[in-house]
């Protein structure tokens, strides 16, 4: 009984020390963002308003095109399923 209590206390101490170390490590080296030169948006502020607008327009156009493509793919898949259902109904009454 004493040995299991000591093992439990040792595990809890190791977990507490590991948790404190992990919090310190995350604060020292955060993983939520990069510190590399290409990872920040400082370059964005250096662009003119027209260049920023061009970037924004290109990004929005790409997003709209992705929506259009997704809708077309869904429509094609639905048509395929309708055709399969018709074929199954025809040959497997």
N, C-alpha and C. Protein backbone atom coordinates (compact mmCIF):
# COMPACT_ATOMS: atom_id res chain seq x y z
N UNK A 1 0.83 -1.19 0.00
CA UNK A 1 0.00 0.00 0.00
C UNK A 1 0.87 1.25 0.00
N UNK A 2 1.92 1.24 0.81
CA UNK A 2 2.82 2.38 0.89
C UNK A 2 3.55 2.59 -0.43
N UNK A 3 3.93 1.47 -1.07
CA UNK A 3 4.66 1.57 -2.34
C UNK A 3 3.76 2.17 -3.42
N UNK A 4 2.50 1.74 -3.50
CA UNK A 4 1.61 2.31 -4.51
C UNK A 4 1.34 3.78 -4.25
N UNK A 5 1.26 4.18 -2.99
CA UNK A 5 1.05 5.60 -2.67
C UNK A 5 2.27 6.42 -3.10
N UNK A 6 3.46 5.89 -2.87
CA UNK A 6 4.68 6.60 -3.28
C UNK A 6 4.78 6.69 -4.81
N UNK A 7 4.40 5.62 -5.48
CA UNK A 7 4.42 5.64 -6.95
C UNK A 7 3.42 6.67 -7.47
N UNK A 8 2.23 6.70 -6.87
CA UNK A 8 1.22 7.67 -7.28
C UNK A 8 1.71 9.10 -7.06
N UNK A 9 2.33 9.36 -5.91
CA UNK A 9 2.86 10.69 -5.62
C UNK A 9 3.97 11.04 -6.61
N UNK A 10 4.84 10.08 -6.93
CA UNK A 10 5.92 10.33 -7.89
C UNK A 10 5.37 10.65 -9.27
N UNK A 11 4.33 9.92 -9.68
CA UNK A 11 3.72 10.18 -10.99
C UNK A 11 3.09 11.57 -11.01
N UNK A 12 2.41 11.95 -9.95
CA UNK A 12 1.80 13.28 -9.89
C UNK A 12 2.84 14.39 -9.90
N UNK A 13 3.96 14.18 -9.20
CA UNK A 13 5.04 15.19 -9.20
C UNK A 13 5.64 15.32 -10.59
N UNK A 14 5.90 14.18 -11.24
CA UNK A 14 6.47 14.23 -12.59
C UNK A 14 5.49 14.90 -13.55
N UNK A 15 4.19 14.63 -13.42
CA UNK A 15 3.19 15.26 -14.29
C UNK A 15 3.14 16.77 -14.05
N UNK A 16 3.21 17.18 -12.79
CA UNK A 16 3.17 18.61 -12.47
C UNK A 16 4.40 19.32 -13.03
N UNK A 17 5.56 18.73 -12.84
CA UNK A 17 6.80 19.33 -13.36
C UNK A 17 6.75 19.38 -14.89
N UNK A 18 6.28 18.31 -15.51
CA UNK A 18 6.16 18.28 -16.96
C UNK A 18 5.19 19.32 -17.47
N UNK A 19 4.08 19.51 -16.77
CA UNK A 19 3.10 20.53 -17.17
C UNK A 19 3.67 21.93 -17.07
N UNK A 20 4.36 22.22 -15.98
CA UNK A 20 4.99 23.53 -15.82
C UNK A 20 6.04 23.75 -16.90
N UNK A 21 6.84 22.72 -17.18
CA UNK A 21 7.86 22.84 -18.22
C UNK A 21 7.22 23.07 -19.59
N UNK A 22 6.13 22.37 -19.88
CA UNK A 22 5.46 22.53 -21.17
C UNK A 22 4.89 23.94 -21.33
N UNK A 23 4.30 24.48 -20.27
CA UNK A 23 3.78 25.85 -20.33
C UNK A 23 4.90 26.83 -20.55
N UNK A 24 6.02 26.65 -19.83
CA UNK A 24 7.18 27.54 -20.02
C UNK A 24 7.70 27.44 -21.46
N UNK A 25 7.79 26.22 -21.98
CA UNK A 25 8.31 26.02 -23.34
C UNK A 25 7.38 26.68 -24.37
N UNK A 26 6.08 26.55 -24.18
CA UNK A 26 5.13 27.15 -25.13
C UNK A 26 5.21 28.67 -25.07
N UNK A 27 5.40 29.23 -23.92
CA UNK A 27 5.54 30.68 -23.83
C UNK A 27 6.86 31.14 -24.44
N UNK A 28 7.88 30.34 -24.30
CA UNK A 28 9.20 30.70 -24.85
C UNK A 28 9.24 30.53 -26.36
N UNK A 29 8.67 29.45 -26.86
CA UNK A 29 8.65 29.15 -28.29
C UNK A 29 7.22 28.82 -28.72
N UNK A 30 6.40 29.84 -28.96
CA UNK A 30 4.99 29.58 -29.29
C UNK A 30 4.83 28.84 -30.62
N UNK A 31 3.90 27.92 -30.64
CA UNK A 31 3.65 27.15 -31.86
C UNK A 31 2.46 27.69 -32.65
N UNK A 32 1.78 28.70 -32.14
CA UNK A 32 0.60 29.21 -32.82
C UNK A 32 0.93 30.14 -33.98
N UNK A 33 2.14 30.61 -34.06
CA UNK A 33 2.55 31.44 -35.19
C UNK A 33 4.03 31.23 -35.42
N UNK A 34 4.45 31.61 -36.61
CA UNK A 34 5.85 31.41 -36.96
C UNK A 34 6.64 32.69 -36.73
N UNK A 35 7.88 32.55 -36.42
CA UNK A 35 8.74 33.71 -36.23
C UNK A 35 9.69 33.91 -37.41
N UNK A 36 9.45 33.18 -38.47
CA UNK A 36 10.31 33.30 -39.63
C UNK A 36 9.97 34.57 -40.39
N UNK A 37 10.93 35.13 -41.15
CA UNK A 37 10.70 36.42 -41.82
C UNK A 37 9.51 36.41 -42.76
N UNK A 38 9.22 35.31 -43.44
CA UNK A 38 8.11 35.29 -44.38
C UNK A 38 6.76 35.09 -43.73
N UNK A 39 6.73 34.88 -42.41
CA UNK A 39 5.49 34.55 -41.75
C UNK A 39 4.69 35.73 -41.26
N UNK A 40 5.23 36.92 -41.27
CA UNK A 40 4.49 38.07 -40.76
C UNK A 40 3.86 38.84 -41.92
N UNK A 41 3.03 39.78 -41.60
CA UNK A 41 2.34 40.55 -42.63
C UNK A 41 2.90 41.97 -42.75
N UNK A 42 4.15 42.18 -42.37
CA UNK A 42 4.73 43.52 -42.48
C UNK A 42 4.80 43.97 -43.94
N UNK A 43 5.00 43.02 -44.83
CA UNK A 43 5.08 43.37 -46.25
C UNK A 43 3.75 43.94 -46.75
N UNK A 44 2.65 43.52 -46.11
CA UNK A 44 1.33 43.98 -46.54
C UNK A 44 1.19 45.49 -46.35
N UNK A 45 1.70 45.98 -45.23
CA UNK A 45 1.61 47.42 -44.95
C UNK A 45 2.45 48.25 -45.89
N UNK A 46 3.46 47.64 -46.51
CA UNK A 46 4.33 48.37 -47.43
C UNK A 46 3.71 48.51 -48.82
N UNK A 47 2.67 47.75 -49.10
CA UNK A 47 2.04 47.83 -50.42
C UNK A 47 1.14 49.06 -50.50
N UNK A 48 0.96 49.52 -51.72
CA UNK A 48 0.03 50.64 -51.93
C UNK A 48 -1.40 50.13 -51.82
N UNK A 49 -2.33 51.05 -51.70
CA UNK A 49 -3.74 50.67 -51.58
C UNK A 49 -4.22 49.92 -52.82
N UNK A 50 -3.74 50.31 -53.99
CA UNK A 50 -4.14 49.63 -55.23
C UNK A 50 -3.63 48.20 -55.25
N UNK A 51 -2.39 47.99 -54.80
CA UNK A 51 -1.83 46.64 -54.78
C UNK A 51 -2.56 45.77 -53.75
N UNK A 52 -2.90 46.35 -52.61
CA UNK A 52 -3.67 45.60 -51.61
C UNK A 52 -5.04 45.21 -52.16
N UNK A 53 -5.66 46.14 -52.87
CA UNK A 53 -6.96 45.86 -53.47
C UNK A 53 -6.85 44.74 -54.51
N UNK A 54 -5.77 44.75 -55.28
CA UNK A 54 -5.58 43.71 -56.29
C UNK A 54 -5.42 42.35 -55.62
N UNK A 55 -4.65 42.29 -54.53
CA UNK A 55 -4.50 41.03 -53.79
C UNK A 55 -5.85 40.56 -53.25
N UNK A 56 -6.60 41.49 -52.66
CA UNK A 56 -7.91 41.14 -52.10
C UNK A 56 -8.85 40.63 -53.18
N UNK A 57 -8.88 41.32 -54.31
CA UNK A 57 -9.75 40.92 -55.41
C UNK A 57 -9.38 39.54 -55.93
N UNK A 58 -8.08 39.29 -56.06
CA UNK A 58 -7.64 37.97 -56.53
C UNK A 58 -8.05 36.87 -55.55
N UNK A 59 -7.91 37.13 -54.26
CA UNK A 59 -8.29 36.13 -53.26
C UNK A 59 -9.79 35.89 -53.27
N UNK A 60 -10.58 36.96 -53.38
CA UNK A 60 -12.03 36.79 -53.43
C UNK A 60 -12.48 36.08 -54.69
N UNK A 61 -11.84 36.40 -55.82
CA UNK A 61 -12.18 35.72 -57.07
C UNK A 61 -11.88 34.23 -56.98
N UNK A 62 -10.75 33.88 -56.37
CA UNK A 62 -10.39 32.46 -56.21
C UNK A 62 -11.42 31.76 -55.31
N UNK A 63 -11.86 32.42 -54.27
CA UNK A 63 -12.87 31.84 -53.39
C UNK A 63 -14.20 31.65 -54.09
N UNK A 64 -14.61 32.63 -54.87
CA UNK A 64 -15.87 32.52 -55.62
C UNK A 64 -15.79 31.41 -56.66
N UNK A 65 -14.63 31.29 -57.31
CA UNK A 65 -14.47 30.23 -58.31
C UNK A 65 -14.51 28.86 -57.64
N UNK A 66 -13.95 28.75 -56.44
CA UNK A 66 -14.00 27.48 -55.71
C UNK A 66 -15.44 27.12 -55.37
N UNK A 67 -16.25 28.11 -54.98
CA UNK A 67 -17.66 27.85 -54.71
C UNK A 67 -18.39 27.39 -55.97
N UNK A 68 -18.12 28.05 -57.08
CA UNK A 68 -18.75 27.67 -58.35
C UNK A 68 -18.37 26.25 -58.74
N UNK A 69 -17.07 25.91 -58.59
CA UNK A 69 -16.60 24.56 -58.91
C UNK A 69 -17.24 23.52 -58.00
N UNK A 70 -17.37 23.83 -56.72
CA UNK A 70 -17.97 22.89 -55.78
C UNK A 70 -19.44 22.66 -56.12
N UNK A 71 -20.15 23.71 -56.49
CA UNK A 71 -21.56 23.56 -56.86
C UNK A 71 -21.69 22.71 -58.13
N UNK A 72 -20.80 22.94 -59.09
CA UNK A 72 -20.84 22.15 -60.33
C UNK A 72 -20.52 20.69 -60.04
N UNK A 73 -19.56 20.42 -59.18
CA UNK A 73 -19.23 19.04 -58.82
C UNK A 73 -20.40 18.37 -58.11
N UNK A 74 -21.07 19.09 -57.24
CA UNK A 74 -22.23 18.52 -56.54
C UNK A 74 -23.36 18.23 -57.52
N UNK A 75 -23.55 19.13 -58.47
CA UNK A 75 -24.59 18.93 -59.48
C UNK A 75 -24.26 17.69 -60.33
N UNK A 76 -23.00 17.55 -60.73
CA UNK A 76 -22.60 16.38 -61.52
C UNK A 76 -22.78 15.09 -60.74
N UNK A 77 -22.44 15.11 -59.46
CA UNK A 77 -22.60 13.92 -58.63
C UNK A 77 -24.08 13.56 -58.49
N UNK A 78 -24.93 14.56 -58.32
CA UNK A 78 -26.37 14.30 -58.19
C UNK A 78 -26.92 13.72 -59.49
N UNK A 79 -26.49 14.24 -60.63
CA UNK A 79 -26.95 13.72 -61.91
C UNK A 79 -26.49 12.27 -62.09
N UNK A 80 -25.27 11.98 -61.68
CA UNK A 80 -24.75 10.62 -61.78
C UNK A 80 -25.58 9.67 -60.92
N UNK A 81 -25.91 10.09 -59.70
CA UNK A 81 -26.72 9.24 -58.82
C UNK A 81 -28.12 9.02 -59.38
N UNK A 82 -28.69 10.04 -60.00
CA UNK A 82 -30.00 9.88 -60.63
C UNK A 82 -29.92 8.87 -61.77
N UNK A 83 -28.87 8.96 -62.57
CA UNK A 83 -28.71 8.02 -63.68
C UNK A 83 -28.53 6.60 -63.16
N UNK A 84 -27.74 6.44 -62.09
CA UNK A 84 -27.53 5.12 -61.52
C UNK A 84 -28.84 4.55 -60.97
N UNK A 85 -29.64 5.40 -60.35
CA UNK A 85 -30.92 4.95 -59.81
C UNK A 85 -31.85 4.52 -60.95
N UNK A 86 -31.84 5.27 -62.05
CA UNK A 86 -32.66 4.90 -63.20
C UNK A 86 -32.21 3.57 -63.80
N UNK A 87 -30.90 3.39 -63.91
CA UNK A 87 -30.38 2.14 -64.46
C UNK A 87 -30.72 0.97 -63.53
N UNK A 88 -30.57 1.17 -62.24
CA UNK A 88 -30.90 0.11 -61.29
C UNK A 88 -32.39 -0.22 -61.34
N UNK A 89 -33.23 0.79 -61.48
CA UNK A 89 -34.66 0.55 -61.55
C UNK A 89 -35.04 -0.19 -62.83
N UNK A 90 -34.29 0.09 -63.89
CA UNK A 90 -34.57 -0.53 -65.18
C UNK A 90 -34.16 -2.02 -65.19
N UNK A 91 -32.99 -2.31 -64.63
CA UNK A 91 -32.45 -3.66 -64.73
C UNK A 91 -32.64 -4.49 -63.48
N UNK A 92 -33.05 -3.89 -62.38
CA UNK A 92 -33.27 -4.63 -61.13
C UNK A 92 -34.62 -4.21 -60.54
N UNK A 93 -35.70 -4.67 -61.18
CA UNK A 93 -37.02 -4.21 -60.74
C UNK A 93 -37.41 -4.72 -59.37
